[in-house]
Every structure is written in C-alpha cells, then in structure tokens.
Amino acid sequence: MRMETPKRATVYFDPSVHKALRLRAAASDRSISDMVNDAVKASLAEDAEDVASYESRRRERPQSFDSFVKDMKRRGVI
C-alpha cells in the first residue's frame, strides 16, 4: 500500500463536540485528525457494505409491506 500525502481540510465542530474530541484525543494519545479520519473511514465502510448488500439483492422481486406481513402470518411466524 503506497503512502499518499495527507490532504488538508477545514472542518467546523460544535464547541461541545470539539471539546469532547480534544479530551478523547488527549486521553488516547491520538490526534483529532486521526480520530476523524478513522470515523470517516468507518462510515464509508458502512456505506460500502450497504452498496454491496443492495447489489446482492438487486434481482429480488419487490414485495409490499402488507403482503410480507400476511405471508409471515400464513407461515406462522407471527
């Protein structure tokens, strides 16, 4: 994996969020930048999982909520 030069961005936090970040960063001996990067990467990973899930179910036949619940009742699930 090649190391890319970090890019700079300005982010504005609510004052209480910024204070919490500073305290957490100090307690964990990490930078706010590292913590924000990790949080954004985790969010993007969740998005990638959602896209993969959607792709895997793309060919499923759509079903209304009503018919789904009726089917659950017919099968004795509810």
Protein backbone atom coordinates (compact mmCIF):
# COMPACT_ATOMS: atom_id res chain seq x y z
CA MET A 1 0.00 0.00 0.00
CA ARG A 2 1.51 3.31 -1.01
CA MET A 3 1.52 6.23 1.38
CA GLU A 4 -0.22 9.29 -0.03
CA THR A 5 0.33 12.82 1.17
CA PRO A 6 -2.45 13.79 3.57
CA LYS A 7 -4.84 16.47 2.33
CA ARG A 8 -5.85 19.39 4.47
CA ALA A 9 -9.50 20.31 5.10
CA THR A 10 -11.18 22.76 7.40
CA VAL A 11 -13.96 21.27 9.49
CA TYR A 12 -16.13 23.22 11.90
CA PHE A 13 -17.35 21.40 15.02
CA ASP A 14 -19.95 22.33 17.55
CA PRO A 15 -17.97 23.63 20.56
CA SER A 16 -19.05 20.76 22.81
CA VAL A 17 -18.15 18.19 20.14
CA HIS A 18 -14.74 19.82 19.71
CA LYS A 19 -14.13 19.73 23.45
CA ALA A 20 -15.09 16.05 23.58
CA LEU A 21 -12.73 15.34 20.68
CA ARG A 22 -9.86 17.20 22.36
CA LEU A 23 -10.40 15.35 25.63
CA ARG A 24 -10.67 11.98 23.90
CA ALA A 25 -7.60 12.68 21.78
CA ALA A 26 -5.56 13.62 24.85
CA ALA A 27 -6.76 10.59 26.81
CA SER A 28 -5.95 8.20 23.97
CA ASP A 29 -2.70 9.89 22.89
CA ARG A 30 -4.08 10.35 19.37
CA SER A 31 -4.66 13.40 17.23
CA ILE A 32 -8.11 14.74 16.44
CA SER A 33 -7.19 14.31 12.78
CA ASP A 34 -6.51 10.59 13.26
CA MET A 35 -9.77 10.15 15.15
CA VAL A 36 -11.80 11.99 12.49
CA ASN A 37 -10.10 10.02 9.70
CA ASP A 38 -10.95 6.73 11.45
CA ALA A 39 -14.56 7.80 11.98
CA VAL A 40 -14.97 8.84 8.33
CA LYS A 41 -13.38 5.60 7.12
CA ALA A 42 -15.76 3.59 9.32
CA SER A 43 -18.71 5.50 7.89
CA LEU A 44 -17.50 4.91 4.33
CA ALA A 45 -17.02 1.20 5.09
CA GLU A 46 -20.65 1.04 6.25
CA ASP A 47 -21.70 2.72 3.01
CA ALA A 48 -19.70 0.14 1.03
CA GLU A 49 -21.47 -2.67 2.92
CA ASP A 50 -24.84 -1.09 2.13
CA VAL A 51 -23.97 -0.84 -1.56
CA ALA A 52 -22.80 -4.47 -1.62
CA SER A 53 -25.99 -5.58 0.13
CA TYR A 54 -28.09 -3.66 -2.37
CA GLU A 55 -26.16 -5.14 -5.28
CA SER A 56 -26.63 -8.68 -3.95
CA ARG A 57 -30.40 -8.16 -3.60
CA ARG A 58 -30.96 -6.15 -6.78
CA ARG A 59 -32.70 -9.00 -8.59
CA GLU A 60 -35.16 -9.75 -5.78
CA ARG A 61 -38.80 -9.25 -6.61
CA PRO A 62 -40.25 -6.21 -4.81
CA GLN A 63 -42.82 -7.00 -2.15
CA SER A 64 -45.16 -4.69 -0.31
CA PHE A 65 -45.09 -4.49 3.46
CA ASP A 66 -48.72 -5.70 3.64
CA SER A 67 -48.09 -8.82 1.57
CA PHE A 68 -44.90 -9.56 3.53
CA VAL A 69 -46.73 -9.39 6.88
CA LYS A 70 -49.58 -11.52 5.52
CA ASP A 71 -47.05 -14.10 4.35
CA MET A 72 -45.40 -14.11 7.79
CA LYS A 73 -48.79 -14.77 9.37
CA ARG A 74 -49.56 -17.53 6.84
CA ARG A 75 -46.25 -19.24 7.67
CA GLY A 76 -46.92 -18.99 11.41
CA VAL A 77 -44.03 -16.62 12.09
CA ILE A 78 -46.34 -14.12 13.74
